Amino acid sequence: MMTDSQNLFSTAQALPGALASMGSAPVIRQLRHLVDNGLADLPPPGTGRTLERWQALSLVAGHDLSLARLYESHTDALAILRELGCEERIRGAVWAMWAAESPGRRLEAIDRGAAGIVLSGSKASCAGALGATHALLTAWLPGQQPQLMAVELDHPSVGIHTNDWHAVDMTDCGSADVSFHNTPATLLGSPGDFLRRGGYWHGSAGIAACWHGGIRAVAQVLYAAVQQCPPSHPIHATRATALGRVDALLSSTAAVLRDSAAWIDAHPGDTAMVVALRTRRAVESGARRVLEETGRALEGTAFNRSAFFARLAADLPAFMRQSQVDRDEAALAGALLAQETPPRWAL
């Protein structure tokens, strides 16, 4: 049997080649390829290998952000299943993770006793709906908090609806609204376990590794442009200045991610709320500045002549929209004030 360290070594070695070999295949087919070849089963966060886990997420994001969206969702679902003692559900499935609650929509869960739990209602904007085989999602039992449920998406009572989906970014995510009509579901854990578990904030921080991977790919386009531009060319100084700024920004966000991964591994049982919110905010802020600097330096050239760069520039802001800046910053301040000791900002 392959150990975690062997699996990690194999994934780290095999991912770059696997990603390069898939070319422009449909994203859901790429995800299935990674799953089938054992390249989407990463060590859970907080087990001593959080940084390596995030490095895999970052690598996939640098290849394709739509794939990264689905890959992160699948790997997060696997980590949750392991944390809740449901590892037997993992093998062979492609998982989606749908925990967002939309205003005016609530997925209801009905406990029918010996007949089990069924779901009725809908979930909006479900990434991977057009290709995943299973989903972890939140639903509401009467009088209780949201509960984590597992469903099989090939059940005839599940409906996939794309008529109201008109996005022009992250278009390869296979997103759709999903409806459930007395759909059998399996309850995972107890009420509130999904939000109370330590891994909730670990997974939240890990999304920032995807953002970093996307912005690193953007920066590499700028780096190549500066390398290829003769120093005597009038645009060279402008692009070189932008590259210097981008290097400082990326180095800072990478340092934040490394530090956060080390903290999570050193404190796996502690809440990582402050660490996760701080990490997400730092990486998102840096990513937006890198996009701005790179776009200004390259002007229309990269946007018009590189499909890869144009997609990155369109998809990354959409990926980061799941972060609500004002709310997250207020939550970070509240978490800091709730701690027994003030934050340690000193060197």
Protein backbone atom coordinates (compact mmCIF):
# COMPACT_ATOMS: atom_id res chain seq x y z
CA MET A 1 0.00 0.00 0.00
CA MET A 2 1.29 3.49 -0.88
CA THR A 3 2.03 5.67 2.13
CA ASP A 4 0.99 9.33 2.39
CA SER A 5 4.57 10.47 1.81
CA GLN A 6 4.92 8.23 -1.25
CA ASN A 7 1.57 9.45 -2.58
CA LEU A 8 2.64 13.06 -2.06
CA PHE A 9 5.98 12.46 -3.77
CA SER A 10 4.24 10.81 -6.71
CA THR A 11 1.71 13.64 -7.02
CA ALA A 12 4.35 16.36 -6.83
CA GLN A 13 6.41 14.61 -9.50
CA ALA A 14 3.56 13.61 -11.79
CA LEU A 15 1.26 16.66 -11.75
CA PRO A 16 3.27 18.97 -14.06
CA GLY A 17 3.62 16.29 -16.72
CA ALA A 18 0.00 15.21 -16.41
CA LEU A 19 -1.24 18.78 -16.75
CA ALA A 20 0.95 19.44 -19.78
CA SER A 21 -0.22 16.24 -21.49
CA MET A 22 -3.92 17.09 -21.22
CA GLY A 23 -3.68 20.18 -23.41
CA SER A 24 -7.08 21.69 -24.14
CA ALA A 25 -9.22 18.67 -23.28
CA PRO A 26 -12.55 19.54 -21.62
CA VAL A 27 -11.98 20.53 -18.01
CA ILE A 28 -14.20 17.85 -16.51
CA ARG A 29 -12.29 15.24 -18.54
CA GLN A 30 -9.04 16.64 -17.18
CA LEU A 31 -10.37 16.37 -13.63
CA ARG A 32 -11.47 12.77 -14.23
CA HIS A 33 -7.98 11.99 -15.57
CA LEU A 34 -6.36 13.40 -12.41
CA VAL A 35 -8.79 11.48 -10.19
CA ASP A 36 -8.34 8.20 -12.04
CA ASN A 37 -4.56 8.49 -11.88
CA GLY A 38 -4.43 9.22 -8.15
CA LEU A 39 -3.37 12.85 -8.64
CA ALA A 40 -6.37 14.39 -6.89
CA ASP A 41 -6.10 12.58 -3.56
CA LEU A 42 -3.94 14.95 -1.53
CA PRO A 43 -2.87 14.63 2.12
CA PRO A 44 -5.43 16.45 4.31
CA PRO A 45 -4.43 19.85 5.69
CA GLY A 46 -3.10 19.93 9.22
CA THR A 47 -1.29 16.61 8.92
CA GLY A 48 2.21 17.98 8.38
CA ARG A 49 1.96 18.41 4.62
CA THR A 50 -0.29 21.42 4.19
CA LEU A 51 2.24 23.33 2.10
CA GLU A 52 2.65 20.42 -0.32
CA ARG A 53 -1.14 20.20 -0.61
CA TRP A 54 -1.31 23.88 -1.44
CA GLN A 55 1.54 23.54 -3.93
CA ALA A 56 -0.57 21.00 -5.84
CA LEU A 57 -3.55 23.38 -5.84
CA SER A 58 -1.31 26.18 -7.07
CA LEU A 59 0.14 24.04 -9.87
CA VAL A 60 -3.31 23.15 -11.17
CA ALA A 61 -4.42 26.79 -10.98
CA GLY A 62 -1.44 27.87 -13.05
CA HIS A 63 -2.57 25.42 -15.73
CA ASP A 64 -6.28 26.30 -15.80
CA LEU A 65 -8.36 28.19 -13.23
CA SER A 66 -11.59 26.41 -14.13
CA LEU A 67 -9.88 23.08 -13.54
CA ALA A 68 -8.47 24.44 -10.28
CA ARG A 69 -11.96 25.41 -9.14
CA LEU A 70 -13.16 21.82 -9.61
CA TYR A 71 -9.92 20.23 -8.37
CA GLU A 72 -9.99 22.28 -5.15
CA SER A 73 -13.65 21.38 -4.60
CA HIS A 74 -12.95 17.67 -5.11
CA THR A 75 -9.89 17.63 -2.85
CA ASP A 76 -11.74 19.63 -0.19
CA ALA A 77 -14.59 17.12 -0.27
CA LEU A 78 -12.14 14.26 0.21
CA ALA A 79 -10.55 16.01 3.19
CA ILE A 80 -13.99 16.55 4.74
CA LEU A 81 -15.00 12.93 4.22
CA ARG A 82 -11.82 11.78 5.94
CA GLU A 83 -12.27 14.24 8.80
CA LEU A 84 -15.82 13.01 9.40
CA GLY A 85 -14.85 9.33 9.21
CA CYS A 86 -16.47 8.62 5.83
CA GLU A 87 -13.40 7.63 3.84
CA GLU A 88 -15.15 4.62 2.31
CA ARG A 89 -17.11 7.01 0.05
CA ILE A 90 -14.02 8.37 -1.70
CA ARG A 91 -12.94 5.68 -4.14
CA GLY A 92 -13.70 6.32 -7.82
CA ALA A 93 -15.99 9.32 -7.35
CA VAL A 94 -15.61 12.85 -8.68
CA TRP A 95 -16.86 15.12 -5.92
CA ALA A 96 -18.29 18.62 -5.97
CA MET A 97 -18.66 20.80 -2.89
CA TRP A 98 -21.74 23.05 -2.65
CA ALA A 99 -21.99 24.72 0.74
CA ALA A 100 -23.00 28.26 -0.27
CA GLU A 101 -26.45 29.44 0.80
CA SER A 102 -28.23 31.71 -1.70
CA PRO A 103 -30.81 34.32 -0.61
CA GLY A 104 -34.33 33.08 -1.19
CA ARG A 105 -33.27 29.46 -1.69
CA ARG A 106 -33.07 26.76 0.92
CA LEU A 107 -32.49 23.09 0.28
CA GLU A 108 -34.77 21.24 2.70
CA ALA A 109 -33.93 17.84 4.17
CA ILE A 110 -36.73 15.56 5.33
CA ASP A 111 -36.02 12.66 7.67
CA ARG A 112 -38.32 9.75 6.80
CA GLY A 113 -37.02 7.48 9.51
CA ALA A 114 -36.24 4.01 8.23
CA ALA A 115 -36.67 5.26 4.66
CA GLY A 116 -33.80 7.69 5.15
CA ILE A 117 -33.34 11.37 4.35
CA VAL A 118 -34.52 13.02 1.14
CA LEU A 119 -33.80 16.48 -0.24
CA SER A 120 -36.20 18.93 -1.88
CA GLY A 121 -35.32 22.34 -3.26
CA SER A 122 -32.37 23.68 -5.19
CA LYS A 123 -28.81 24.95 -5.04
CA ALA A 124 -27.65 27.83 -7.24
CA SER A 125 -24.40 28.27 -9.18
CA CYS A 126 -23.03 24.79 -8.56
CA ALA A 127 -19.54 24.41 -10.06
CA GLY A 128 -18.96 20.96 -11.54
CA ALA A 129 -22.66 20.15 -11.82
CA LEU A 130 -22.21 19.01 -15.41
CA GLY A 131 -19.52 16.46 -14.63
CA ALA A 132 -19.27 15.47 -10.98
CA THR A 133 -20.63 12.09 -9.89
CA HIS A 134 -21.26 13.01 -6.24
CA ALA A 135 -21.68 16.16 -4.17
CA LEU A 136 -21.27 17.25 -0.60
CA LEU A 137 -23.77 19.99 0.13
CA THR A 138 -25.55 21.76 2.95
CA ALA A 139 -29.26 21.24 3.56
CA TRP A 140 -31.65 22.12 6.38
CA LEU A 141 -33.46 19.69 8.65
CA PRO A 142 -36.46 21.29 10.39
CA GLY A 143 -35.39 23.42 13.36
CA GLN A 144 -31.67 22.71 12.97
CA GLN A 145 -28.52 24.28 11.57
CA PRO A 146 -27.39 23.47 8.03
CA GLN A 147 -26.37 19.84 7.78
CA LEU A 148 -23.74 18.34 5.53
CA MET A 149 -25.21 15.75 3.15
CA ALA A 150 -23.80 13.48 0.47
CA VAL A 151 -25.76 12.82 -2.72
CA GLU A 152 -25.28 10.82 -5.90
CA LEU A 153 -25.83 13.14 -8.85
CA ASP A 154 -26.88 10.44 -11.31
CA HIS A 155 -30.11 9.84 -9.37
CA PRO A 156 -33.14 10.52 -11.61
CA SER A 157 -34.58 12.99 -9.08
CA VAL A 158 -31.63 15.38 -9.60
CA GLY A 159 -32.12 18.12 -12.20
CA ILE A 160 -29.32 20.13 -13.83
CA HIS A 161 -30.43 23.51 -15.18
CA THR A 162 -28.24 25.75 -17.37
CA ASN A 163 -30.88 28.06 -18.88
CA ASP A 164 -30.16 30.89 -16.43
CA TRP A 165 -26.38 30.55 -16.54
CA HIS A 166 -24.83 33.29 -18.70
CA ALA A 167 -21.34 33.76 -17.26
CA VAL A 168 -18.55 34.80 -19.64
CA ASP A 169 -15.75 33.89 -17.21
CA MET A 170 -14.89 30.54 -15.62
CA THR A 171 -17.04 29.10 -18.39
CA ASP A 172 -15.43 25.65 -18.28
CA CYS A 173 -16.46 24.92 -14.69
CA GLY A 174 -19.61 23.10 -15.79
CA SER A 175 -21.68 25.29 -13.47
CA ALA A 176 -25.46 25.12 -13.27
CA ASP A 177 -28.37 25.35 -10.88
CA VAL A 178 -29.26 21.95 -9.40
CA SER A 179 -32.71 20.88 -8.22
CA PHE A 180 -33.63 17.98 -5.96
CA HIS A 181 -37.01 16.26 -5.83
CA ASN A 182 -37.15 13.78 -2.94
CA THR A 183 -33.54 12.89 -3.65
CA PRO A 184 -31.98 10.30 -1.31
CA ALA A 185 -29.14 11.76 0.76
CA THR A 186 -26.78 10.61 3.48
CA LEU A 187 -26.32 12.73 6.60
CA LEU A 188 -22.66 13.28 7.50
CA GLY A 189 -21.79 14.15 11.08
CA SER A 190 -23.96 16.00 13.60
CA PRO A 191 -25.68 19.40 13.39
CA GLY A 192 -23.05 22.13 13.04
CA ASP A 193 -20.13 19.74 12.44
CA PHE A 194 -19.42 21.23 9.02
CA LEU A 195 -18.62 24.68 10.43
CA ARG A 196 -17.19 23.52 13.77
CA ARG A 197 -14.59 21.12 12.41
CA GLY A 198 -11.01 22.35 12.30
CA GLY A 199 -10.71 21.65 8.61
CA TYR A 200 -13.31 24.27 7.69
CA TRP A 201 -10.81 27.12 7.97
CA HIS A 202 -7.99 24.97 6.62
CA GLY A 203 -9.95 24.54 3.39
CA SER A 204 -10.85 28.21 3.31
CA ALA A 205 -7.19 29.18 3.44
CA GLY A 206 -6.31 26.63 0.77
CA ILE A 207 -8.40 28.45 -1.83
CA ALA A 208 -5.86 31.29 -1.62
CA ALA A 209 -3.24 28.84 -2.93
CA CYS A 210 -5.33 28.56 -6.11
CA TRP A 211 -5.42 32.34 -6.44
CA HIS A 212 -1.66 32.45 -5.97
CA GLY A 213 -1.17 29.84 -8.68
CA GLY A 214 -3.26 31.87 -11.10
CA ILE A 215 -1.46 35.11 -10.41
CA ARG A 216 1.93 33.39 -10.64
CA ALA A 217 0.98 32.33 -14.17
CA VAL A 218 0.07 35.95 -14.96
CA ALA A 219 3.42 37.12 -13.62
CA GLN A 220 5.28 34.56 -15.73
CA VAL A 221 3.81 36.16 -18.86
CA LEU A 222 5.19 39.52 -17.76
CA TYR A 223 8.57 37.98 -16.91
CA ALA A 224 8.83 36.44 -20.38
CA ALA A 225 7.85 39.74 -22.01
CA VAL A 226 10.57 41.63 -20.14
CA GLN A 227 13.15 38.96 -20.98
CA GLN A 228 12.33 39.21 -24.67
CA CYS A 229 12.23 43.01 -24.80
CA PRO A 230 15.60 44.62 -25.71
CA PRO A 231 16.79 47.05 -23.01
CA SER A 232 16.99 49.76 -25.67
CA HIS A 233 13.29 49.47 -26.50
CA PRO A 234 11.18 52.37 -25.13
CA ILE A 235 8.76 50.00 -23.37
CA HIS A 236 11.48 48.05 -21.55
CA ALA A 237 11.78 50.41 -18.57
CA THR A 238 8.01 50.41 -17.99
CA ARG A 239 7.80 46.63 -18.10
CA ALA A 240 10.89 46.17 -15.94
CA THR A 241 9.44 48.49 -13.29
CA ALA A 242 6.22 46.48 -13.30
CA LEU A 243 8.18 43.24 -12.99
CA GLY A 244 9.99 44.56 -9.92
CA ARG A 245 6.69 45.45 -8.28
CA VAL A 246 5.17 42.11 -9.22
CA ASP A 247 8.15 40.20 -7.83
CA ALA A 248 7.79 41.95 -4.47
CA LEU A 249 4.05 41.25 -4.37
CA LEU A 250 4.34 37.57 -5.31
CA SER A 251 7.20 36.98 -2.91
CA SER A 252 5.09 38.47 -0.12
CA THR A 253 1.99 36.39 -0.86
CA ALA A 254 4.10 33.22 -1.17
CA ALA A 255 5.64 33.97 2.24
CA VAL A 256 2.18 34.41 3.77
CA LEU A 257 1.03 31.07 2.35
CA ARG A 258 4.13 29.24 3.59
CA ASP A 259 3.77 30.75 7.06
CA SER A 260 0.06 29.90 7.21
CA ALA A 261 0.66 26.31 6.11
CA ALA A 262 3.31 25.90 8.81
CA TRP A 263 0.95 27.34 11.44
CA ILE A 264 -1.86 24.96 10.45
CA ASP A 265 0.47 21.96 10.68
CA ALA A 266 1.73 23.11 14.09
CA HIS A 267 -1.80 23.77 15.43
CA PRO A 268 -4.08 21.26 13.65
CA GLY A 269 -6.69 21.25 16.41
CA ASP A 270 -6.93 25.02 16.87
CA THR A 271 -9.29 27.26 14.96
CA ALA A 272 -7.52 28.72 11.95
CA MET A 273 -10.08 31.48 11.38
CA VAL A 274 -7.63 34.36 11.83
CA VAL A 275 -4.96 32.63 9.76
CA ALA A 276 -7.39 31.79 6.96
CA LEU A 277 -8.97 35.24 6.73
CA ARG A 278 -5.59 36.96 6.92
CA THR A 279 -4.16 34.67 4.23
CA ARG A 280 -7.09 35.09 1.86
CA ARG A 281 -7.05 38.87 2.24
CA ALA A 282 -3.30 39.15 1.71
CA VAL A 283 -3.28 36.92 -1.37
CA GLU A 284 -6.36 38.50 -2.92
CA SER A 285 -5.00 42.01 -2.43
CA GLY A 286 -1.65 41.02 -3.92
CA ALA A 287 -3.31 39.25 -6.83
CA ARG A 288 -5.38 42.28 -7.78
CA ARG A 289 -2.29 44.49 -7.75
CA VAL A 290 -0.35 41.99 -9.87
CA LEU A 291 -3.19 41.93 -12.40
CA GLU A 292 -3.22 45.72 -12.50
CA GLU A 293 0.56 46.08 -12.86
CA THR A 294 0.81 43.37 -15.51
CA GLY A 295 -2.14 44.63 -17.53
CA ARG A 296 -0.76 48.16 -17.56
CA ALA A 297 2.73 47.03 -18.54
CA LEU A 298 1.65 44.71 -21.35
CA GLU A 299 -1.17 46.96 -22.58
CA GLY A 300 -3.34 45.22 -25.16
CA THR A 301 -0.70 42.86 -26.49
CA ALA A 302 -1.15 39.99 -24.05
CA PHE A 303 -4.93 40.37 -23.88
CA ASN A 304 -5.33 40.29 -27.67
CA ARG A 305 -2.63 37.84 -28.71
CA SER A 306 -2.52 35.27 -25.89
CA ALA A 307 -5.68 33.28 -25.26
CA PHE A 308 -4.05 31.81 -22.14
CA PHE A 309 -3.35 35.24 -20.63
CA ALA A 310 -6.73 36.67 -21.64
CA ARG A 311 -8.52 33.80 -19.92
CA LEU A 312 -6.39 34.15 -16.80
CA ALA A 313 -7.13 37.87 -16.63
CA ALA A 314 -10.87 37.23 -16.97
CA ASP A 315 -11.14 34.14 -14.78
CA LEU A 316 -9.04 35.13 -11.78
CA PRO A 317 -11.21 38.08 -10.65
CA ALA A 318 -14.26 35.83 -11.02
CA PHE A 319 -12.59 33.11 -8.93
CA MET A 320 -11.76 35.65 -6.22
CA ARG A 321 -15.32 37.03 -6.11
CA GLN A 322 -16.24 34.27 -3.67
CA SER A 323 -14.27 36.37 -1.18
CA GLN A 324 -16.44 39.22 0.13
CA VAL A 325 -13.79 41.71 1.14
CA ASP A 326 -15.67 43.99 3.55
CA ARG A 327 -17.34 41.09 5.33
CA ASP A 328 -14.10 39.12 5.59
CA GLU A 329 -12.13 42.10 6.90
CA ALA A 330 -14.79 42.78 9.53
CA ALA A 331 -14.77 39.10 10.50
CA LEU A 332 -10.97 39.18 10.79
CA ALA A 333 -11.14 42.21 13.08
CA GLY A 334 -13.79 40.52 15.22
CA ALA A 335 -11.70 37.37 15.52
CA LEU A 336 -8.62 39.38 16.51
CA LEU A 337 -10.54 41.25 19.21
CA ALA A 338 -11.97 38.00 20.56
CA GLN A 339 -8.51 36.54 21.20
CA GLU A 340 -7.11 36.60 24.72
CA THR A 341 -3.91 38.30 23.55
CA PRO A 342 -3.39 41.05 20.96
CA PRO A 343 -2.01 40.09 17.53
CA ARG A 344 1.75 39.60 17.31
CA TRP A 345 2.87 42.02 14.63
CA ALA A 346 6.44 42.37 15.86
CA LEU A 347 9.33 40.66 14.09
